[in-house]
Amino acid sequence: MSVPINEAAIHKTLLEAIQEHQLFEVDVEHIQPEDNLIDYGLDSIGFIKIIILLEKLYHIHFDSDVTLLENFNTLDKIGKQVMIRIAKA
C-alpha cells in the first residue's frame, strides 16, 4: 500500500486510523492539527498503538528517546516526527 507522505496526508491517515481502531471516543472531524490528543482521550495504550501504526505504515522506526507522549500529542507534532524519520531513512 502506497501512503502519501506530507504532513496533511499523515494527519488524514492518522485520523482514519484513530477512527478505525477507536482510539478515542470522539468524532475525529472535530480534531484540529494543533489540538492536544490527550484532551480527546489519548492514553498510553493509544499512544503505543499510534507509534506501531506509524512505523508499519511509513516503514520507519522511532528511537526510544523520541517516543515521548509530549512529541506525539498533536497531529502537527506527529506529522513532524514522521517527516523527520522519513528524511533520515
PDB file of N, CA and C in Angstrom:
ATOM      1  N   MET A   1       0.838  -1.185   0.000  1.00  0.00           N
ATOM      2  CA  MET A   1       0.000   0.000   0.000  1.00  0.00           C
ATOM      3  C   MET A   1       0.874   1.236   0.000  1.00  0.00           C
ATOM      4  N   SER A   2       0.661   2.127  -0.941  1.00  0.00           N
ATOM      5  CA  SER A   2       1.423   3.357  -1.029  1.00  0.00           C
ATOM      6  C   SER A   2       0.729   4.425  -0.187  1.00  0.00           C
ATOM      7  N   VAL A   3       1.468   5.004   0.726  1.00  0.00           N
ATOM      8  CA  VAL A   3       0.914   6.008   1.627  1.00  0.00           C
ATOM      9  C   VAL A   3       1.501   7.360   1.251  1.00  0.00           C
ATOM     10  N   PRO A   4       0.647   8.379   0.998  1.00  0.00           N
ATOM     11  CA  PRO A   4       1.168   9.707   0.675  1.00  0.00           C
ATOM     12  C   PRO A   4       2.019  10.239   1.826  1.00  0.00           C
ATOM     13  N   ILE A   5       3.065  10.991   1.477  1.00  0.00           N
ATOM     14  CA  ILE A   5       3.978  11.450   2.513  1.00  0.00           C
ATOM     15  C   ILE A   5       4.098  12.966   2.493  1.00  0.00           C
ATOM     16  N   ASN A   6       3.209  13.616   3.212  1.00  0.00           N
ATOM     17  CA  ASN A   6       3.293  15.026   3.569  1.00  0.00           C
ATOM     18  C   ASN A   6       2.483  15.166   4.844  1.00  0.00           C
ATOM     19  N   GLU A   7       2.654  16.264   5.538  1.00  0.00           N
ATOM     20  CA  GLU A   7       2.014  16.362   6.852  1.00  0.00           C
ATOM     21  C   GLU A   7       0.490  16.289   6.782  1.00  0.00           C
ATOM     22  N   ALA A   8      -0.113  16.888   5.768  1.00  0.00           N
ATOM     23  CA  ALA A   8      -1.576  16.843   5.651  1.00  0.00           C
ATOM     24  C   ALA A   8      -2.050  15.402   5.436  1.00  0.00           C
ATOM     25  N   ALA A   9      -1.344  14.660   4.600  1.00  0.00           N
ATOM     26  CA  ALA A   9      -1.705  13.266   4.352  1.00  0.00           C
ATOM     27  C   ALA A   9      -1.491  12.419   5.601  1.00  0.00           C
ATOM     28  N   ILE A  10      -0.435  12.710   6.350  1.00  0.00           N
ATOM     29  CA  ILE A  10      -0.187  11.986   7.608  1.00  0.00           C
ATOM     30  C   ILE A  10      -1.323  12.255   8.585  1.00  0.00           C
ATOM     31  N   HIS A  11      -1.767  13.510   8.691  1.00  0.00           N
ATOM     32  CA  HIS A  11      -2.891  13.854   9.572  1.00  0.00           C
ATOM     33  C   HIS A  11      -4.125  13.054   9.175  1.00  0.00           C
ATOM     34  N   LYS A  12      -4.431  13.040   7.877  1.00  0.00           N
ATOM     35  CA  LYS A  12      -5.620  12.330   7.381  1.00  0.00           C
ATOM     36  C   LYS A  12      -5.517  10.837   7.675  1.00  0.00           C
ATOM     37  N   THR A  13      -4.367  10.253   7.391  1.00  0.00           N
ATOM     38  CA  THR A  13      -4.161   8.826   7.638  1.00  0.00           C
ATOM     39  C   THR A  13      -4.310   8.514   9.118  1.00  0.00           C
ATOM     40  N   LEU A  14      -3.747   9.367   9.954  1.00  0.00           N
ATOM     41  CA  LEU A  14      -3.824   9.143  11.394  1.00  0.00           C
ATOM     42  C   LEU A  14      -5.251   9.263  11.903  1.00  0.00           C
ATOM     43  N   LEU A  15      -5.990  10.251  11.426  1.00  0.00           N
ATOM     44  CA  LEU A  15      -7.390  10.397  11.843  1.00  0.00           C
ATOM     45  C   LEU A  15      -8.221   9.189  11.425  1.00  0.00           C
ATOM     46  N   GLU A  16      -7.969   8.685  10.222  1.00  0.00           N
ATOM     47  CA  GLU A  16      -8.675   7.480   9.766  1.00  0.00           C
ATOM     48  C   GLU A  16      -8.346   6.288  10.668  1.00  0.00           C
ATOM     49  N   ALA A  17      -7.076   6.170  11.054  1.00  0.00           N
ATOM     50  CA  ALA A  17      -6.667   5.065  11.927  1.00  0.00           C
ATOM     51  C   ALA A  17      -7.272   5.209  13.319  1.00  0.00           C
ATOM     52  N   ILE A  18      -7.323   6.429  13.829  1.00  0.00           N
ATOM     53  CA  ILE A  18      -7.923   6.675  15.143  1.00  0.00           C
ATOM     54  C   ILE A  18      -9.379   6.235  15.129  1.00  0.00           C
ATOM     55  N   GLN A  19     -10.075   6.587  14.063  1.00  0.00           N
ATOM     56  CA  GLN A  19     -11.478   6.215  13.955  1.00  0.00           C
ATOM     57  C   GLN A  19     -11.628   4.702  13.772  1.00  0.00           C
ATOM     58  N   GLU A  20     -10.824   4.126  12.887  1.00  0.00           N
ATOM     59  CA  GLU A  20     -10.923   2.689  12.606  1.00  0.00           C
ATOM     60  C   GLU A  20     -10.630   1.843  13.840  1.00  0.00           C
ATOM     61  N   HIS A  21      -9.614   2.241  14.613  1.00  0.00           N
ATOM     62  CA  HIS A  21      -9.201   1.470  15.783  1.00  0.00           C
ATOM     63  C   HIS A  21      -9.868   1.958  17.072  1.00  0.00           C
ATOM     64  N   GLN A  22     -10.753   2.945  16.938  1.00  0.00           N
ATOM     65  CA  GLN A  22     -11.497   3.505  18.063  1.00  0.00           C
ATOM     66  C   GLN A  22     -10.583   3.876  19.232  1.00  0.00           C
ATOM     67  N   LEU A  23      -9.536   4.646  18.912  1.00  0.00           N
ATOM     68  CA  LEU A  23      -8.595   5.057  19.953  1.00  0.00           C
ATOM     69  C   LEU A  23      -9.175   6.142  20.850  1.00  0.00           C
ATOM     70  N   PHE A  24     -10.112   6.931  20.338  1.00  0.00           N
ATOM     71  CA  PHE A  24     -10.745   7.991  21.112  1.00  0.00           C
ATOM     72  C   PHE A  24     -12.251   7.851  20.986  1.00  0.00           C
ATOM     73  N   GLU A  25     -12.950   8.395  21.968  1.00  0.00           N
ATOM     74  CA  GLU A  25     -14.409   8.378  21.939  1.00  0.00           C
ATOM     75  C   GLU A  25     -14.920   9.742  21.491  1.00  0.00           C
ATOM     76  N   VAL A  26     -14.508  10.144  20.279  1.00  0.00           N
ATOM     77  CA  VAL A  26     -14.916  11.436  19.744  1.00  0.00           C
ATOM     78  C   VAL A  26     -14.957  11.323  18.229  1.00  0.00           C
ATOM     79  N   ASP A  27     -15.781  12.142  17.624  1.00  0.00           N
ATOM     80  CA  ASP A  27     -15.829  12.195  16.167  1.00  0.00           C
ATOM     81  C   ASP A  27     -14.537  12.878  15.704  1.00  0.00           C
ATOM     82  N   VAL A  28     -13.745  12.178  14.911  1.00  0.00           N
ATOM     83  CA  VAL A  28     -12.425  12.694  14.517  1.00  0.00           C
ATOM     84  C   VAL A  28     -12.519  13.968  13.686  1.00  0.00           C
ATOM     85  N   GLU A  29     -13.681  14.271  13.137  1.00  0.00           N
ATOM     86  CA  GLU A  29     -13.840  15.505  12.358  1.00  0.00           C
ATOM     87  C   GLU A  29     -13.635  16.741  13.219  1.00  0.00           C
ATOM     88  N   HIS A  30     -13.756  16.592  14.528  1.00  0.00           N
ATOM     89  CA  HIS A  30     -13.598  17.729  15.438  1.00  0.00           C
ATOM     90  C   HIS A  30     -12.150  17.965  15.836  1.00  0.00           C
ATOM     91  N   ILE A  31     -11.263  17.032  15.547  1.00  0.00           N
ATOM     92  CA  ILE A  31      -9.860  17.151  15.960  1.00  0.00           C
ATOM     93  C   ILE A  31      -9.110  18.030  14.970  1.00  0.00           C
ATOM     94  N   GLN A  32      -8.500  19.077  15.496  1.00  0.00           N
ATOM     95  CA  GLN A  32      -7.691  20.000  14.694  1.00  0.00           C
ATOM     96  C   GLN A  32      -6.215  19.629  14.841  1.00  0.00           C
ATOM     97  N   PRO A  33      -5.367  19.973  13.854  1.00  0.00           N
ATOM     98  CA  PRO A  33      -3.955  19.579  13.893  1.00  0.00           C
ATOM     99  C   PRO A  33      -3.205  20.019  15.152  1.00  0.00           C
ATOM    100  N   GLU A  34      -3.609  21.126  15.755  1.00  0.00           N
ATOM    101  CA  GLU A  34      -2.901  21.628  16.934  1.00  0.00           C
ATOM    102  C   GLU A  34      -3.552  21.199  18.252  1.00  0.00           C
ATOM    103  N   ASP A  35      -4.663  20.493  18.200  1.00  0.00           N
ATOM    104  CA  ASP A  35      -5.355  20.045  19.420  1.00  0.00           C
ATOM    105  C   ASP A  35      -4.533  18.997  20.162  1.00  0.00           C
ATOM    106  N   ASN A  36      -4.546  19.102  21.484  1.00  0.00           N
ATOM    107  CA  ASN A  36      -3.873  18.109  22.316  1.00  0.00           C
ATOM    108  C   ASN A  36      -4.734  16.843  22.339  1.00  0.00           C
ATOM    109  N   LEU A  37      -4.188  15.754  21.829  1.00  0.00           N
ATOM    110  CA  LEU A  37      -4.944  14.499  21.727  1.00  0.00           C
ATOM    111  C   LEU A  37      -5.275  13.895  23.088  1.00  0.00           C
ATOM    112  N   ILE A  38      -4.559  14.295  24.106  1.00  0.00           N
ATOM    113  CA  ILE A  38      -4.861  13.833  25.465  1.00  0.00           C
ATOM    114  C   ILE A  38      -6.251  14.326  25.874  1.00  0.00           C
ATOM    115  N   ASP A  39      -6.613  15.530  25.417  1.00  0.00           N
ATOM    116  CA  ASP A  39      -7.935  16.080  25.719  1.00  0.00           C
ATOM    117  C   ASP A  39      -9.055  15.255  25.090  1.00  0.00           C
ATOM    118  N   TYR A  40      -8.719  14.466  24.075  1.00  0.00           N
ATOM    119  CA  TYR A  40      -9.698  13.607  23.406  1.00  0.00           C
ATOM    120  C   TYR A  40      -9.657  12.170  23.924  1.00  0.00           C
ATOM    121  N   GLY A  41      -8.771  11.901  24.868  1.00  0.00           N
ATOM    122  CA  GLY A  41      -8.731  10.574  25.465  1.00  0.00           C
ATOM    123  C   GLY A  41      -7.505   9.746  25.127  1.00  0.00           C
ATOM    124  N   LEU A  42      -6.501  10.355  24.490  1.00  0.00           N
ATOM    125  CA  LEU A  42      -5.275   9.604  24.212  1.00  0.00           C
ATOM    126  C   LEU A  42      -4.651   9.166  25.524  1.00  0.00           C
ATOM    127  N   ASP A  43      -4.415   7.861  25.649  1.00  0.00           N
ATOM    128  CA  ASP A  43      -3.748   7.331  26.837  1.00  0.00           C
ATOM    129  C   ASP A  43      -2.505   6.573  26.392  1.00  0.00           C
ATOM    130  N   SER A  44      -1.810   5.959  27.323  1.00  0.00           N
ATOM    131  CA  SER A  44      -0.542   5.300  26.995  1.00  0.00           C
ATOM    132  C   SER A  44      -0.737   4.144  26.016  1.00  0.00           C
ATOM    133  N   ILE A  45      -1.834   3.428  26.125  1.00  0.00           N
ATOM    134  CA  ILE A  45      -2.098   2.315  25.200  1.00  0.00           C
ATOM    135  C   ILE A  45      -2.338   2.866  23.793  1.00  0.00           C
ATOM    136  N   GLY A  46      -3.176   3.887  23.692  1.00  0.00           N
ATOM    137  CA  GLY A  46      -3.425   4.514  22.392  1.00  0.00           C
ATOM    138  C   GLY A  46      -2.167   5.096  21.790  1.00  0.00           C
ATOM    139  N   PHE A  47      -1.325   5.675  22.636  1.00  0.00           N
ATOM    140  CA  PHE A  47      -0.058   6.243  22.192  1.00  0.00           C
ATOM    141  C   PHE A  47       0.820   5.162  21.563  1.00  0.00           C
ATOM    142  N   ILE A  48       0.954   4.038  22.225  1.00  0.00           N
ATOM    143  CA  ILE A  48       1.757   2.927  21.695  1.00  0.00           C
ATOM    144  C   ILE A  48       1.159   2.419  20.387  1.00  0.00           C
ATOM    145  N   LYS A  49      -0.161   2.320  20.324  1.00  0.00           N
ATOM    146  CA  LYS A  49      -0.814   1.875  19.091  1.00  0.00           C
ATOM    147  C   LYS A  49      -0.511   2.827  17.933  1.00  0.00           C
ATOM    148  N   ILE A  50      -0.507   4.120  18.209  1.00  0.00           N
ATOM    149  CA  ILE A  50      -0.189   5.112  17.175  1.00  0.00           C
ATOM    150  C   ILE A  50       1.241   4.934  16.694  1.00  0.00           C
ATOM    151  N   ILE A  51       2.179   4.769  17.610  1.00  0.00           N
ATOM    152  CA  ILE A  51       3.590   4.580  17.242  1.00  0.00           C
ATOM    153  C   ILE A  51       3.740   3.353  16.344  1.00  0.00           C
ATOM    154  N   ILE A  52       3.147   2.248  16.752  1.00  0.00           N
ATOM    155  CA  ILE A  52       3.252   0.999  15.978  1.00  0.00           C
ATOM    156  C   ILE A  52       2.622   1.181  14.600  1.00  0.00           C
ATOM    157  N   LEU A  53       1.467   1.795  14.546  1.00  0.00           N
ATOM    158  CA  LEU A  53       0.787   2.027  13.276  1.00  0.00           C
ATOM    159  C   LEU A  53       1.649   2.874  12.335  1.00  0.00           C
ATOM    160  N   LEU A  54       2.206   3.952  12.856  1.00  0.00           N
ATOM    161  CA  LEU A  54       3.036   4.829  12.023  1.00  0.00           C
ATOM    162  C   LEU A  54       4.272   4.103  11.513  1.00  0.00           C
ATOM    163  N   GLU A  55       4.893   3.318  12.378  1.00  0.00           N
ATOM    164  CA  GLU A  55       6.084   2.571  11.961  1.00  0.00           C
ATOM    165  C   GLU A  55       5.752   1.591  10.841  1.00  0.00           C
ATOM    166  N   LYS A  56       4.600   0.936  10.940  1.00  0.00           N
ATOM    167  CA  LYS A  56       4.200  -0.018   9.903  1.00  0.00           C
ATOM    168  C   LYS A  56       3.819   0.695   8.607  1.00  0.00           C
ATOM    169  N   LEU A  57       3.024   1.742   8.710  1.00  0.00           N
ATOM    170  CA  LEU A  57       2.544   2.444   7.521  1.00  0.00           C
ATOM    171  C   LEU A  57       3.669   3.094   6.719  1.00  0.00           C
ATOM    172  N   TYR A  58       4.598   3.709   7.432  1.00  0.00           N
ATOM    173  CA  TYR A  58       5.629   4.504   6.770  1.00  0.00           C
ATOM    174  C   TYR A  58       6.998   3.823   6.741  1.00  0.00           C
ATOM    175  N   HIS A  59       7.057   2.590   7.212  1.00  0.00           N
ATOM    176  CA  HIS A  59       8.317   1.823   7.210  1.00  0.00           C
ATOM    177  C   HIS A  59       9.455   2.622   7.852  1.00  0.00           C
ATOM    178  N   ILE A  60       9.156   3.113   9.050  1.00  0.00           N
ATOM    179  CA  ILE A  60      10.125   3.900   9.814  1.00  0.00           C
ATOM    180  C   ILE A  60      10.249   3.301  11.207  1.00  0.00           C
ATOM    181  N   HIS A  61      11.208   3.813  11.963  1.00  0.00           N
ATOM    182  CA  HIS A  61      11.392   3.379  13.346  1.00  0.00           C
ATOM    183  C   HIS A  61      11.628   4.612  14.209  1.00  0.00           C
ATOM    184  N   PHE A  62      10.918   4.688  15.310  1.00  0.00           N
ATOM    185  CA  PHE A  62      11.114   5.768  16.273  1.00  0.00           C
ATOM    186  C   PHE A  62      12.018   5.268  17.384  1.00  0.00           C
ATOM    187  N   ASP A  63      13.123   5.952  17.616  1.00  0.00           N
ATOM    188  CA  ASP A  63      14.014   5.612  18.717  1.00  0.00           C
ATOM    189  C   ASP A  63      13.336   5.930  20.042  1.00  0.00           C
ATOM    190  N   SER A  64      13.727   5.216  21.074  1.00  0.00           N
ATOM    191  CA  SER A  64      13.080   5.374  22.381  1.00  0.00           C
ATOM    192  C   SER A  64      13.235   6.786  22.947  1.00  0.00           C
ATOM    193  N   ASP A  65      14.302   7.495  22.581  1.00  0.00           N
ATOM    194  CA  ASP A  65      14.480   8.851  23.100  1.00  0.00           C
ATOM    195  C   ASP A  65      13.495   9.846  22.485  1.00  0.00           C
ATOM    196  N   VAL A  66      12.839   9.475  21.403  1.00  0.00           N
ATOM    197  CA  VAL A  66      11.865  10.338  20.739  1.00  0.00           C
ATOM    198  C   VAL A  66      10.442   9.979  21.132  1.00  0.00           C
ATOM    199  N   THR A  67      10.226   8.737  21.506  1.00  0.00           N
ATOM    200  CA  THR A  67       8.866   8.266  21.768  1.00  0.00           C
ATOM    201  C   THR A  67       8.375   8.689  23.151  1.00  0.00           C
ATOM    202  N   LEU A  68       8.231   9.980  23.292  1.00  0.00           N
ATOM    203  CA  LEU A  68       7.658  10.587  24.481  1.00  0.00           C
ATOM    204  C   LEU A  68       6.306  11.159  24.099  1.00  0.00           C
ATOM    205  N   LEU A  69       5.339  11.026  24.952  1.00  0.00           N
ATOM    206  CA  LEU A  69       3.998  11.499  24.646  1.00  0.00           C
ATOM    207  C   LEU A  69       4.006  12.973  24.237  1.00  0.00           C
ATOM    208  N   GLU A  70       4.868  13.773  24.837  1.00  0.00           N
ATOM    209  CA  GLU A  70       4.921  15.198  24.503  1.00  0.00           C
ATOM    210  C   GLU A  70       5.335  15.443  23.045  1.00  0.00           C
ATOM    211  N   ASN A  71       5.977  14.468  22.403  1.00  0.00           N
ATOM    212  CA  ASN A  71       6.352  14.594  20.997  1.00  0.00           C
ATOM    213  C   ASN A  71       5.268  14.101  20.050  1.00  0.00           C
ATOM    214  N   PHE A  72       4.214  13.503  20.587  1.00  0.00           N
ATOM    215  CA  PHE A  72       3.171  12.886  19.772  1.00  0.00           C
ATOM    216  C   PHE A  72       1.766  13.241  20.250  1.00  0.00           C
ATOM    217  N   ASN A  73       1.598  14.371  20.914  1.00  0.00           N
ATOM    218  CA  ASN A  73       0.281  14.661  21.488  1.00  0.00           C
ATOM    219  C   ASN A  73      -0.600  15.557  20.611  1.00  0.00           C
ATOM    220  N   THR A  74      -0.111  15.938  19.425  1.00  0.00           N
ATOM    221  CA  THR A  74      -0.953  16.648  18.461  1.00  0.00           C
ATOM    222  C   THR A  74      -0.688  16.060  17.076  1.00  0.00           C
ATOM    223  N   LEU A  75      -1.627  16.252  16.179  1.00  0.00           N
ATOM    224  CA  LEU A  75      -1.420  15.782  14.805  1.00  0.00           C
ATOM    225  C   LEU A  75      -0.220  16.484  14.179  1.00  0.00           C
ATOM    226  N   ASP A  76      -0.065  17.787  14.481  1.00  0.00           N
ATOM    227  CA  ASP A  76       1.086  18.529  13.942  1.00  0.00           C
ATOM    228  C   ASP A  76       2.410  17.915  14.385  1.00  0.00           C
ATOM    229  N   LYS A  77       2.528  17.622  15.667  1.00  0.00           N
ATOM    230  CA  LYS A  77       3.768  17.039  16.184  1.00  0.00           C
ATOM    231  C   LYS A  77       4.022  15.651  15.604  1.00  0.00           C
ATOM    232  N   ILE A  78       2.961  14.877  15.469  1.00  0.00           N
ATOM    233  CA  ILE A  78       3.102  13.539  14.895  1.00  0.00           C
ATOM    234  C   ILE A  78       3.563  13.638  13.449  1.00  0.00           C
ATOM    235  N   GLY A  79       2.946  14.529  12.687  1.00  0.00           N
ATOM    236  CA  GLY A  79       3.348  14.721  11.296  1.00  0.00           C
ATOM    237  C   GLY A  79       4.809  15.112  11.169  1.00  0.00           C
ATOM    238  N   LYS A  80       5.252  16.002  12.037  1.00  0.00           N
ATOM    239  CA  LYS A  80       6.665  16.424  12.016  1.00  0.00           C
ATOM    240  C   LYS A  80       7.598  15.264  12.354  1.00  0.00           C
ATOM    241  N   GLN A  81       7.241  14.474  13.354  1.00  0.00           N
ATOM    242  CA  GLN A  81       8.082  13.338  13.739  1.00  0.00           C
ATOM    243  C   GLN A  81       8.178  12.313  12.606  1.00  0.00           C
ATOM    244  N   VAL A  82       7.063  12.061  11.941  1.00  0.00           N
ATOM    245  CA  VAL A  82       7.081  11.122  10.821  1.00  0.00           C
ATOM    246  C   VAL A  82       7.965  11.667   9.695  1.00  0.00           C
ATOM    247  N   MET A  83       7.816  12.943   9.376  1.00  0.00           N
ATOM    248  CA  MET A  83       8.614  13.544   8.303  1.00  0.00           C
ATOM    249  C   MET A  83      10.106  13.498   8.633  1.00  0.00           C
ATOM    250  N   ILE A  84      10.466  13.724   9.890  1.00  0.00           N
ATOM    251  CA  ILE A  84      11.866  13.637  10.317  1.00  0.00           C
ATOM    252  C   ILE A  84      12.399  12.228  10.109  1.00  0.00           C
ATOM    253  N   ARG A  85      11.622  11.222  10.509  1.00  0.00           N
ATOM    254  CA  ARG A  85      12.069   9.824  10.364  1.00  0.00           C
ATOM    255  C   ARG A  85      12.181   9.422   8.902  1.00  0.00           C
ATOM    256  N   ILE A  86      11.258   9.876   8.076  1.00  0.00           N
ATOM    257  CA  ILE A  86      11.310   9.566   6.647  1.00  0.00           C
ATOM    258  C   ILE A  86      12.550  10.197   6.010  1.00  0.00           C
ATOM    259  N   ALA A  87      12.845  11.424   6.405  1.00  0.00           N
ATOM    260  CA  ALA A  87      14.011  12.115   5.852  1.00  0.00           C
ATOM    261  C   ALA A  87      15.310  11.405   6.251  1.00  0.00           C
ATOM    262  N   LYS A  88      15.335  10.781   7.417  1.00  0.00           N
ATOM    263  CA  LYS A  88      16.536  10.069   7.888  1.00  0.00           C
ATOM    264  C   LYS A  88      16.674   8.675   7.305  1.00  0.00           C
ATOM    265  N   ALA A  89      15.582   8.169   6.731  1.00  0.00           N
ATOM    266  CA  ALA A  89      15.616   6.792   6.195  1.00  0.00           C
ATOM    267  C   ALA A  89      16.426   6.696   4.920  1.00  0.00           C
TER     268      ALA A  89
END
